[in-house]
Each structure stands twice: as C-alpha cells, then as structure tokens.
Amino acid sequence: MAQRLIIIGGDAAGMAAASQARRRRDRGDLEIVAFERGHFTSYSACGIPYWISGLVPERDELIARDPATFREKFAIDVRMRHEVTAIDTERREVVARDLGSGGEVRERFDTLVYATGAVPTKPDWARTDTGGMFGVQTLDDGAALRAWLESEPRPRRAVVVGGGYIGVEMAEALIQRGLSVTLVEQAEQPMSTVDPDMAELVTDAMRAIGITIRTGLAVTGLEETDGRVSAVVTAEGPIPTDLVVLGLGVRPNTALAEAAGLPLGVTGGVRVDRRMRVAGVPGVWAAGDCVETVHRVTGMPVHVPLGTHANKQGRVAGINIGGGYATFLGVIGTAVTKVCDLEVGRTGLRERDARAAGFEFVSVIAQSTNRAGYYPGSRPMTVKLIAEKPSGRLLGAQIVGWSEAAKRIDTLAVALWNGMTVDDMTALDLGYAPPYAPVWDPVLIAARKAVDALSASDR
C-alpha cells in the first residue's frame, strides 16, 4: 500500500512541500492529499496590493499553479474549500469539513505537513460584520476588497489601520485607485521595520503622494450607517471613511496545532528543527508562516512571515519527506518594499534589536546617489549600517532611495549572512557603470564610514 502524505494548507509552503515530495516519490509509492479552505492554491499574497491598484490587471496573474495543474502534473489530490478541523496524531488521521456541502471527511496519514500560514491581528473593535471592513491576508480577501471598490456607491475615502508593509502598500494602492487615504498608526512612525531616522524618509514620501498620516493614535471603534462603515473612532475624534483596511501584522495560525498537542515556541509558532520536522512528533512536519525559526545574527527564535521563507521551508520539508536531505538555516529578516518610486530595503537588526540582544555597536548613515552624479536620473540614496563593537561584524542594514536602491540590500544581506565585517566589505568588488552606480558604490561608502566610526569609538 502506498504511504499517504496529508498537506494542511494549499499555498506557498504546503504546495512546495507536496511538489518536492512528488518529484522524489512516484504516485505508486506516495499518495498526496492537500486540503485548502480557500478558493486558490499557490498564489502571491504579496502581489495583492498591486492587483488592487490595477497595476496587475488580472487576478489569475497572481496564481502560480491552480488545483487542476497539481492534479494533472503532480498527481496531488487537492481538496479545495476543505478546512481541517482536527488532527489526531495517535490515530494518524485528520478531520476536514467541506465548506460547500458542510459534510465531514476523515483521512488517514503516514506523514503530515502543517502549513496553515498566519492570521491577521484583529482588534476587538474589528470583530463585526459591518460592510467595508477588510483584512488583506489571502487572495479571497483581496477579491472581496476589489469587489467593494467596484460596487455602488463607490467608496471615496479609506482608512488603513497599521503602518507595516501591507498597510503602506495598501495605502499606496488605494491612492492609485483615486481614493482619499488616511493611514492611522498607533506607534510614532509607520514602517517600524526600519529605524525612525530611515522611516522618516518613507513618511515624507507617503505624504508627498497624498496619504494623510496620523501617528501615535489608536483606533478604538467603528461607526456605521445602514450596515456600512462610516468612520473609525479615535481619541482625537472620528475619521470619516467608506472602507477600512487592517494592516496590523499577523501571528502564526496555530490553533489547530495547539489543539493537536504540537509544540509551540516562544513566538507562538510551531517548533521545528532545521529539517522542518515538528519537535517530538514523528512523521509530522511544518513550514511557512505558522512556524518559528531562528535569527542567524542573534541565535534567538523569531517569527518572520515572508513568502520567501515559506517557499524555502516547504521545499526543505518536501525534499526530506521524499527521501533526500535538506535544511533551513534560519533567517536574517531581509525585506524590500516601495512607496511609489521610493524603495526601502532592510536586513538584520535594527538599532533597538541590537540593543535588546545585548550588542555594543556603532551605526552610521551614508548619503550617496543611485547612479553617477552626472548621469541622467541620478537620485539620492541613504544607507544605514549597524556594526558590532569592537569586531566590526555587520549586524544590520537599511536602505532608502530611488531606482536601483532596494535590491542593493541583497549585497548587504549576503555580507551579513556570511558574518563579514564592515572592514571586509570595503574591499568588495562590486559592479560599476555610470547608469547603475557612482564609482564608489553607496554600500562601499557606508562600509568605509562604519570603519571610521569603529576606529573613533576605540579612542
């Protein structure tokens, strides 16, 4: 009898695991069943704001592989609109509910991959059926929001609650749709993934495209008219709106795992080893936004929900399930985004992270340009480096600038991943041509400035 692999979750991590396992074991040896509660598999959640804005015209352009492709090409039995409601690790079976018919099915497994992703942070005031309230976590969420934008009466005003990646990207998308947009952030700055001095540059760019930013302010409730949201309530008074988008971050989707007795880590994510095996539960694996991983700089457990990690973790789990050997070695938190043409990149630790982890460090900011100063299109670029004292090891980096800015963070991510010092980095042999960089690349200028700061701190 063929062994059976059950996948819970049909997006990046789950279907990457299923595909990799299938490539190594044929259908006569391994039967694969994947349960997905939504309407779509293997889609780019990161692309939703660009579909909402209209930059990506068609929803299906965000879908990498549909269920029919998985069935026909990979012999993976994808059960759409099926929500797994229980896992029994003793009896080796899952219970799933058909969200269409309401019926229940039980399926045995030899191997299980838990890939349920993350769920959005949702405050008490948002737990309502009021029309015009949206999260943007799944493609189903994006479809509901886009339908609302195209319904009558057409919304003219929007409030985005939360200034992280999704909040900033959705605020820009709604501006591009012609709405008046207010972003409300409880902290003193949006884009808390970078330090305040760098976030200020992002804030200026957001205001420049017409986004109203209210910081240090919490939303405490909603007002509605005829079942539709009409305002958000704050300590400084109501802010009128026709729709609300939540951008308050996410947490691991682990309710099902916890009920099944799977171990959770200090971040709330499922605890796994480097091969993505769930600690202490034979035959059970986990991957994606539902798991806890390790930060390579601090060595501490972290939850960093990104599609890049989910795909890699799913691939690692699938290779191992298929009989190969692979490991996931942790994360350093590399990420990029944009506000119109302003690009933002970050990797490693922020100043407050380095401080909390007990590092002594210097931080420097270097101003440069994305191209040779005389070349058409030359624009400012700001690079921030954080380096350990006295070793000079790179701990973190942030970049804010125009064209050719954000992807420079990859150079810094590679340096950080490999434990390079800022002194090492001053000798990097980086590409140069006037259309792409000044003769001294901004990364090299920042590294030299960090070396000088370390020398000064030793005096």
Protein backbone atom coordinates (compact mmCIF):
# COMPACT_ATOMS: atom_id res chain seq x y z
CA MET A 1 0.00 0.00 0.00
CA ALA A 2 1.26 3.47 -0.87
CA GLN A 3 2.10 5.77 2.01
CA ARG A 4 -0.09 8.82 2.42
CA LEU A 5 1.07 12.40 2.83
CA ILE A 6 -1.51 14.93 4.02
CA ILE A 7 -0.87 18.64 3.47
CA ILE A 8 -2.82 21.20 5.51
CA GLY A 9 -2.69 24.47 3.58
CA GLY A 10 -2.52 24.89 -0.18
CA ASP A 11 -0.35 27.96 -0.58
CA ALA A 12 3.44 28.50 -0.76
CA ALA A 13 4.81 26.22 1.95
CA GLY A 14 2.29 23.41 1.66
CA MET A 15 2.36 23.05 -2.11
CA ALA A 16 6.14 23.48 -2.28
CA ALA A 17 6.41 20.54 0.14
CA ALA A 18 3.91 18.49 -1.87
CA SER A 19 5.65 19.19 -5.18
CA GLN A 20 9.12 18.37 -3.90
CA ALA A 21 7.93 15.14 -2.28
CA ARG A 22 6.25 14.11 -5.53
CA ARG A 23 9.40 14.77 -7.58
CA ARG A 24 11.21 12.21 -5.43
CA ARG A 25 8.48 9.62 -4.94
CA ASP A 26 6.03 8.44 -7.60
CA ARG A 27 2.30 8.09 -7.11
CA GLY A 28 2.50 4.34 -6.57
CA ASP A 29 4.79 4.90 -3.59
CA LEU A 30 3.30 8.08 -2.11
CA GLU A 31 -0.28 9.33 -2.24
CA ILE A 32 -0.57 13.08 -1.61
CA VAL A 33 -3.73 14.85 -0.44
CA ALA A 34 -3.78 18.61 0.15
CA PHE A 35 -6.56 20.44 1.99
CA GLU A 36 -7.12 24.15 1.28
CA ARG A 37 -10.01 26.08 2.83
CA GLY A 38 -9.87 28.94 0.27
CA HIS A 39 -10.57 29.12 -3.44
CA PHE A 40 -6.95 29.31 -4.66
CA THR A 41 -3.64 27.46 -4.44
CA SER A 42 -0.06 28.69 -4.79
CA TYR A 43 -0.74 32.39 -5.23
CA SER A 44 1.26 35.52 -4.46
CA ALA A 45 -0.31 37.21 -1.44
CA CYS A 46 2.45 39.83 -1.75
CA GLY A 47 1.01 40.79 -5.14
CA ILE A 48 -2.49 41.59 -3.83
CA PRO A 49 -1.88 45.36 -3.35
CA TYR A 50 -0.72 45.61 -6.98
CA TRP A 51 -3.88 43.85 -8.18
CA ILE A 52 -5.99 46.14 -6.01
CA SER A 53 -4.27 49.20 -7.50
CA GLY A 54 -4.78 47.94 -11.05
CA LEU A 55 -1.07 47.67 -11.80
CA VAL A 56 -1.62 43.91 -12.17
CA PRO A 57 -4.81 43.80 -14.24
CA GLU A 58 -5.97 40.21 -13.72
CA ARG A 59 -6.35 38.21 -10.51
CA ASP A 60 -5.14 34.99 -12.12
CA GLU A 61 -1.77 36.55 -12.89
CA LEU A 62 -1.04 36.13 -9.15
CA ILE A 63 -1.65 32.36 -9.27
CA ALA A 64 1.44 30.26 -9.93
CA ARG A 65 -0.35 26.87 -10.15
CA ASP A 66 -4.03 26.08 -9.94
CA PRO A 67 -5.53 22.91 -8.42
CA ALA A 68 -6.01 21.30 -11.84
CA THR A 69 -2.28 21.64 -12.58
CA PHE A 70 -1.37 19.97 -9.30
CA ARG A 71 -3.77 17.11 -10.02
CA GLU A 72 -2.73 16.56 -13.62
CA LYS A 73 1.01 17.25 -13.48
CA PHE A 74 1.86 16.12 -9.96
CA ALA A 75 -0.92 13.66 -9.10
CA ILE A 76 -1.70 15.67 -5.97
CA ASP A 77 -5.31 15.35 -4.81
CA VAL A 78 -6.15 18.97 -3.93
CA ARG A 79 -9.36 19.32 -1.89
CA MET A 80 -10.43 22.95 -2.28
CA ARG A 81 -12.81 24.62 0.20
CA HIS A 82 -11.96 21.97 2.78
CA GLU A 83 -10.96 23.15 6.25
CA VAL A 84 -9.12 20.74 8.52
CA THR A 85 -10.76 20.95 11.95
CA ALA A 86 -8.79 18.34 13.91
CA ILE A 87 -5.53 16.38 13.84
CA ASP A 88 -5.19 13.09 15.71
CA THR A 89 -1.51 12.21 15.90
CA GLU A 90 -2.25 8.93 17.73
CA ARG A 91 -4.74 7.58 15.21
CA ARG A 92 -2.80 9.30 12.38
CA GLU A 93 -5.80 10.98 10.82
CA VAL A 94 -7.22 14.42 10.11
CA VAL A 95 -10.82 15.58 10.14
CA ALA A 96 -11.87 18.09 7.48
CA ARG A 97 -15.09 19.96 6.76
CA ASP A 98 -16.31 20.59 3.23
CA LEU A 99 -17.18 24.29 3.35
CA GLY A 100 -19.50 23.89 0.38
CA SER A 101 -21.66 20.97 1.47
CA GLY A 102 -20.98 21.08 5.20
CA GLY A 103 -20.02 17.42 5.14
CA GLU A 104 -17.12 15.94 7.12
CA VAL A 105 -14.34 13.65 5.94
CA ARG A 106 -11.64 11.72 7.78
CA GLU A 107 -8.37 10.87 6.11
CA ARG A 108 -5.51 8.80 7.42
CA PHE A 109 -1.91 9.89 7.06
CA ASP A 110 1.54 8.40 7.40
CA THR A 111 3.17 11.82 7.06
CA LEU A 112 1.64 15.23 7.72
CA VAL A 113 2.74 18.74 6.70
CA TYR A 114 1.22 21.55 8.76
CA ALA A 115 1.31 24.69 6.57
CA THR A 116 -1.59 26.81 7.76
CA GLY A 117 0.20 30.17 7.38
CA ALA A 118 -0.61 33.16 9.56
CA VAL A 119 -3.75 35.01 10.58
CA PRO A 120 -4.09 38.78 10.72
CA THR A 121 -4.02 40.60 14.02
CA LYS A 122 -7.61 41.68 14.54
CA PRO A 123 -8.57 44.02 17.40
CA ASP A 124 -11.86 43.60 19.25
CA TRP A 125 -13.46 46.57 17.52
CA ALA A 126 -12.90 44.92 14.12
CA ARG A 127 -14.94 41.81 15.00
CA THR A 128 -18.03 42.89 13.14
CA ASP A 129 -19.99 42.13 10.01
CA THR A 130 -20.02 45.80 9.08
CA GLY A 131 -19.66 46.25 5.32
CA GLY A 132 -16.39 47.84 4.25
CA MET A 133 -14.06 46.20 6.82
CA PHE A 134 -11.23 44.21 5.23
CA GLY A 135 -8.08 42.31 6.03
CA VAL A 136 -5.72 41.56 3.16
CA GLN A 137 -4.25 38.19 4.06
CA THR A 138 -5.49 35.91 1.29
CA LEU A 139 -6.48 36.19 -2.35
CA ASP A 140 -10.08 35.70 -1.22
CA ASP A 141 -9.65 38.81 0.97
CA GLY A 142 -8.25 40.74 -1.98
CA ALA A 143 -11.15 39.68 -4.18
CA ALA A 144 -13.66 40.87 -1.58
CA LEU A 145 -11.93 44.25 -1.26
CA ARG A 146 -11.72 44.74 -5.01
CA ALA A 147 -15.42 43.92 -5.35
CA TRP A 148 -16.22 46.53 -2.69
CA LEU A 149 -14.16 49.14 -4.53
CA GLU A 150 -16.17 48.46 -7.68
CA SER A 151 -19.59 48.34 -6.00
CA GLU A 152 -22.14 51.15 -5.68
CA PRO A 153 -21.98 53.57 -4.05
CA ARG A 154 -18.31 53.78 -4.98
CA PRO A 155 -16.12 54.37 -1.90
CA ARG A 156 -14.28 57.70 -1.94
CA ARG A 157 -12.42 57.58 1.39
CA ALA A 158 -10.31 54.87 3.03
CA VAL A 159 -8.64 54.41 6.39
CA VAL A 160 -5.71 52.00 6.64
CA VAL A 161 -5.04 50.91 10.22
CA GLY A 162 -1.39 49.99 10.74
CA GLY A 163 1.75 51.18 9.01
CA GLY A 164 3.68 47.99 8.31
CA TYR A 165 4.43 46.58 4.85
CA ILE A 166 0.84 45.70 3.99
CA GLY A 167 -0.51 48.96 5.41
CA VAL A 168 1.92 51.10 3.41
CA GLU A 169 1.41 49.10 0.21
CA MET A 170 -2.38 49.16 0.55
CA ALA A 171 -2.39 52.92 1.26
CA GLU A 172 -0.48 53.48 -1.98
CA ALA A 173 -2.77 51.09 -3.89
CA LEU A 174 -5.88 52.94 -2.73
CA ILE A 175 -4.36 56.33 -3.61
CA GLN A 176 -3.75 54.93 -7.10
CA ARG A 177 -7.42 53.90 -7.22
CA GLY A 178 -8.33 57.55 -6.66
CA LEU A 179 -9.44 57.35 -3.02
CA SER A 180 -8.63 59.81 -0.27
CA VAL A 181 -6.49 57.76 2.17
CA THR A 182 -5.66 58.20 5.84
CA LEU A 183 -3.15 55.85 7.49
CA VAL A 184 -3.53 55.53 11.27
CA GLU A 185 -0.55 54.14 13.22
CA GLN A 186 -0.51 53.67 16.99
CA ALA A 187 3.29 53.95 17.14
CA GLU A 188 5.16 57.18 16.50
CA GLN A 189 6.11 56.15 12.98
CA PRO A 190 4.93 53.94 10.14
CA MET A 191 7.38 51.34 8.78
CA SER A 192 8.62 50.18 12.17
CA THR A 193 10.70 47.53 10.37
CA VAL A 194 13.34 50.23 9.92
CA ASP A 195 14.77 52.71 12.42
CA PRO A 196 12.97 56.05 12.99
CA ASP A 197 15.54 58.10 11.06
CA MET A 198 15.00 55.94 7.97
CA ALA A 199 11.23 55.68 8.48
CA GLU A 200 11.05 59.46 8.38
CA LEU A 201 12.16 59.37 4.75
CA VAL A 202 9.38 56.89 3.97
CA THR A 203 6.81 59.00 5.81
CA ASP A 204 7.79 62.06 3.77
CA ALA A 205 7.34 60.08 0.54
CA MET A 206 3.91 58.83 1.63
CA ARG A 207 2.73 62.34 2.39
CA ALA A 208 4.11 63.52 -0.95
CA ILE A 209 1.69 61.22 -2.83
CA GLY A 210 -1.28 62.43 -0.81
CA ILE A 211 -1.56 59.95 2.07
CA THR A 212 -2.63 61.56 5.35
CA ILE A 213 -0.64 60.02 8.22
CA ARG A 214 -1.87 60.05 11.81
CA THR A 215 0.74 58.59 14.22
CA GLY A 216 0.57 57.99 17.98
CA LEU A 217 -3.13 57.30 17.56
CA ALA A 218 -5.16 54.14 18.17
CA VAL A 219 -8.43 53.17 16.53
CA THR A 220 -10.90 52.11 19.24
CA GLY A 221 -14.12 51.50 17.33
CA LEU A 222 -16.26 51.90 14.24
CA GLU A 223 -19.25 53.96 13.28
CA GLU A 224 -21.64 52.60 10.69
CA THR A 225 -24.61 53.70 8.67
CA ASP A 226 -27.05 51.23 7.10
CA GLY A 227 -24.65 48.35 7.78
CA ARG A 228 -21.68 50.07 6.13
CA VAL A 229 -18.68 51.58 7.89
CA SER A 230 -18.87 55.38 8.01
CA ALA A 231 -15.98 56.29 10.36
CA VAL A 232 -13.29 54.90 12.62
CA VAL A 233 -13.30 56.10 16.22
CA THR A 234 -10.14 57.51 17.84
CA ALA A 235 -9.29 59.51 20.97
CA GLU A 236 -8.94 62.55 18.71
CA GLY A 237 -12.38 62.10 17.19
CA PRO A 238 -13.89 60.09 14.34
CA ILE A 239 -12.23 59.83 10.93
CA PRO A 240 -14.91 59.54 8.22
CA THR A 241 -14.37 56.67 5.77
CA ASP A 242 -16.11 54.36 3.32
CA LEU A 243 -13.80 51.41 3.93
CA VAL A 244 -11.23 50.20 6.46
CA VAL A 245 -8.19 48.04 5.69
CA LEU A 246 -6.39 46.32 8.56
CA GLY A 247 -2.61 46.30 8.34
CA LEU A 248 -1.75 45.40 11.94
CA GLY A 249 0.50 42.46 11.19
CA VAL A 250 -0.05 38.73 11.58
CA ARG A 251 0.51 35.91 14.04
CA PRO A 252 1.14 32.19 13.42
CA ASN A 253 -2.03 30.23 12.64
CA THR A 254 -1.52 27.55 15.25
CA ALA A 255 -4.91 26.97 16.94
CA LEU A 256 -5.25 23.61 15.19
CA ALA A 257 -1.66 22.65 16.02
CA GLU A 258 -2.08 23.58 19.67
CA ALA A 259 -5.30 21.56 19.94
CA ALA A 260 -3.43 18.56 18.48
CA GLY A 261 -0.62 18.90 21.03
CA LEU A 262 2.05 20.08 18.58
CA PRO A 263 4.75 22.04 20.44
CA LEU A 264 4.76 25.83 20.09
CA GLY A 265 7.77 28.09 20.62
CA VAL A 266 8.10 31.37 22.49
CA THR A 267 6.93 33.35 19.43
CA GLY A 268 3.75 31.30 19.14
CA GLY A 269 4.91 29.45 16.03
CA VAL A 270 5.20 25.68 15.71
CA ARG A 271 8.58 24.46 16.91
CA VAL A 272 10.58 22.67 14.20
CA ASP A 273 14.16 21.57 13.65
CA ARG A 274 16.35 22.52 10.70
CA ARG A 275 14.79 19.83 8.53
CA MET A 276 11.31 21.26 9.33
CA ARG A 277 10.31 18.28 11.49
CA VAL A 278 7.94 19.15 14.32
CA ALA A 279 9.82 18.66 17.57
CA GLY A 280 8.96 15.36 19.27
CA VAL A 281 6.13 14.33 16.91
CA PRO A 282 7.30 11.64 14.46
CA GLY A 283 6.06 11.95 10.89
CA VAL A 284 4.76 15.50 11.32
CA TRP A 285 6.41 18.45 9.59
CA ALA A 286 5.59 22.16 9.48
CA ALA A 287 6.60 25.06 7.24
CA GLY A 288 5.74 28.64 6.37
CA ASP A 289 4.23 31.49 8.32
CA CYS A 290 2.94 29.14 11.03
CA VAL A 291 6.43 28.13 12.25
CA GLU A 292 9.09 29.62 14.45
CA THR A 293 12.62 29.84 13.12
CA VAL A 294 15.97 31.18 14.32
CA HIS A 295 17.60 34.54 13.64
CA ARG A 296 21.13 33.93 12.40
CA VAL A 297 22.53 37.09 13.98
CA THR A 298 21.12 36.75 17.50
CA GLY A 299 20.59 32.98 17.58
CA MET A 300 17.16 33.68 19.08
CA PRO A 301 13.80 32.26 17.97
CA VAL A 302 11.78 34.58 15.71
CA HIS A 303 8.62 34.62 13.65
CA VAL A 304 9.27 36.35 10.33
CA PRO A 305 6.35 35.67 7.94
CA LEU A 306 7.56 36.13 4.37
CA GLY A 307 6.77 34.26 1.18
CA THR A 308 10.47 33.72 0.51
CA HIS A 309 10.86 31.77 3.76
CA ALA A 310 7.63 29.82 3.23
CA ASN A 311 8.71 28.57 -0.19
CA LYS A 312 12.17 27.58 1.06
CA GLN A 313 10.84 25.85 4.17
CA GLY A 314 8.23 23.95 2.16
CA ARG A 315 10.90 22.87 -0.29
CA VAL A 316 13.13 21.64 2.54
CA ALA A 317 10.29 19.65 4.12
CA GLY A 318 9.34 18.11 0.76
CA ILE A 319 12.92 17.08 -0.07
CA ASN A 320 13.25 15.35 3.30
CA ILE A 321 9.86 13.66 3.04
CA GLY A 322 10.85 12.48 -0.42
CA GLY A 323 13.96 10.77 0.93
CA GLY A 324 16.55 13.49 0.35
CA TYR A 325 18.34 15.71 2.84
CA ALA A 326 17.91 19.45 3.20
CA THR A 327 17.99 22.03 5.98
CA PHE A 328 16.63 25.51 6.59
CA LEU A 329 19.35 27.52 8.32
CA GLY A 330 17.36 30.44 9.68
CA VAL A 331 16.60 33.99 8.64
CA ILE A 332 18.05 37.48 8.84
CA GLY A 333 14.87 39.38 8.03
CA THR A 334 15.72 40.70 4.59
CA ALA A 335 12.79 42.54 3.01
CA VAL A 336 12.06 45.25 0.44
CA THR A 337 9.06 47.40 -0.41
CA LYS A 338 8.29 50.70 -2.11
CA VAL A 339 6.18 53.84 -1.87
CA CYS A 340 5.58 54.84 -5.47
CA ASP A 341 9.16 55.23 -6.75
CA LEU A 342 10.82 55.35 -3.32
CA GLU A 343 12.41 52.00 -2.49
CA VAL A 344 13.03 50.60 1.00
CA GLY A 345 15.24 47.67 1.97
CA ARG A 346 16.32 46.19 5.27
CA THR A 347 18.21 43.18 6.63
CA GLY A 348 19.44 42.01 10.01
CA LEU A 349 18.95 44.01 13.19
CA ARG A 350 17.59 47.48 13.78
CA GLU A 351 19.22 49.58 16.49
CA ARG A 352 16.60 48.53 19.05
CA ASP A 353 17.05 44.86 18.11
CA ALA A 354 20.83 45.09 18.56
CA ARG A 355 20.36 46.83 21.90
CA ALA A 356 17.84 44.25 23.11
CA ALA A 357 20.18 41.42 22.10
CA GLY A 358 22.98 42.92 24.20
CA PHE A 359 25.28 44.02 21.37
CA GLU A 360 27.55 47.03 21.63
CA PHE A 361 27.51 48.70 18.25
CA VAL A 362 28.00 51.74 16.10
CA SER A 363 25.51 52.90 13.50
CA VAL A 364 26.24 55.19 10.58
CA ILE A 365 24.24 56.81 7.81
CA ALA A 366 25.85 57.46 4.43
CA GLN A 367 24.34 59.69 1.75
CA SER A 368 25.06 58.90 -1.87
CA THR A 369 23.29 58.52 -5.21
CA ASN A 370 21.91 55.60 -7.17
CA ARG A 371 23.95 56.48 -10.28
CA ALA A 372 26.93 58.63 -11.17
CA GLY A 373 26.03 62.21 -10.24
CA TYR A 374 26.33 63.44 -13.83
CA TYR A 375 24.20 60.63 -15.32
CA PRO A 376 20.53 61.40 -16.09
CA GLY A 377 18.18 60.08 -13.41
CA SER A 378 20.69 60.31 -10.56
CA ARG A 379 18.72 60.42 -7.28
CA PRO A 380 19.64 60.40 -3.57
CA MET A 381 20.21 57.15 -1.68
CA THR A 382 20.57 56.74 2.09
CA VAL A 383 22.35 53.68 3.52
CA LYS A 384 22.44 52.84 7.22
CA LEU A 385 24.78 50.21 8.68
CA ILE A 386 24.90 48.80 12.20
CA ALA A 387 28.20 47.13 13.17
CA GLU A 388 29.27 45.30 16.31
CA LYS A 389 31.94 46.78 18.56
CA PRO A 390 34.80 46.09 18.53
CA SER A 391 34.74 43.28 15.94
CA GLY A 392 33.15 45.32 13.15
CA ARG A 393 30.81 42.44 12.24
CA LEU A 394 27.81 43.69 10.29
CA LEU A 395 24.63 43.37 12.37
CA GLY A 396 22.08 45.11 10.19
CA ALA A 397 21.47 47.43 7.27
CA GLN A 398 18.75 49.64 5.84
CA ILE A 399 18.46 51.47 2.51
CA VAL A 400 16.02 54.13 1.37
CA GLY A 401 16.32 55.63 -2.09
CA TRP A 402 15.12 55.71 -5.65
CA SER A 403 15.74 53.43 -8.63
CA GLU A 404 18.44 50.77 -8.00
CA ALA A 405 18.21 51.30 -4.21
CA ALA A 406 16.22 48.46 -2.64
CA LYS A 407 17.92 45.47 -4.27
CA ARG A 408 21.29 46.71 -3.05
CA ILE A 409 20.13 45.31 0.28
CA ASP A 410 20.91 41.87 -1.17
CA THR A 411 24.62 42.68 -1.20
CA LEU A 412 24.39 43.60 2.46
CA ALA A 413 22.29 40.52 3.24
CA VAL A 414 24.95 38.23 1.74
CA ALA A 415 27.63 40.01 3.75
CA LEU A 416 25.60 39.67 6.94
CA TRP A 417 24.68 36.02 6.26
CA ASN A 418 28.36 35.17 5.94
CA GLY A 419 29.50 37.08 9.03
CA MET A 420 31.53 39.72 7.20
CA THR A 421 32.89 42.78 8.93
CA VAL A 422 32.45 46.28 7.58
CA ASP A 423 36.22 46.33 7.02
CA ASP A 424 35.87 43.22 4.82
CA MET A 425 33.08 44.96 2.94
CA THR A 426 35.19 47.98 1.95
CA ALA A 427 37.09 45.68 -0.44
CA LEU A 428 34.04 44.12 -2.14
CA ASP A 429 34.40 44.03 -5.91
CA LEU A 430 31.03 45.49 -6.91
CA GLY A 431 29.87 46.29 -10.41
CA TYR A 432 30.26 49.85 -11.67
CA ALA A 433 28.96 51.80 -14.64
CA PRO A 434 27.54 55.35 -14.54
CA PRO A 435 23.94 54.24 -15.28
CA TYR A 436 23.96 51.94 -12.24
CA ALA A 437 26.27 53.37 -9.56
CA PRO A 438 28.79 56.03 -8.69
CA VAL A 439 32.40 54.87 -8.88
CA TRP A 440 32.22 54.34 -5.13
CA ASP A 441 29.04 52.33 -4.62
CA PRO A 442 26.79 53.53 -1.76
CA VAL A 443 27.39 50.21 0.00
CA LEU A 444 31.15 50.79 -0.03
CA ILE A 445 30.78 54.38 1.14
CA ALA A 446 28.67 53.22 4.09
CA ALA A 447 31.15 50.45 4.95
CA ARG A 448 34.04 52.93 4.98
CA LYS A 449 32.04 55.26 7.20
CA ALA A 450 31.32 52.40 9.62
CA VAL A 451 35.04 51.52 9.79
CA ASP A 452 35.80 55.15 10.66
CA ALA A 453 33.12 55.13 13.37
CA LEU A 454 34.53 51.96 14.90
CA SER A 455 38.02 53.47 14.95
CA ALA A 456 36.70 56.63 16.59
CA SER A 457 34.86 54.60 19.24
CA ASP A 458 38.14 52.89 20.24
CA ARG A 459 39.88 56.16 21.05
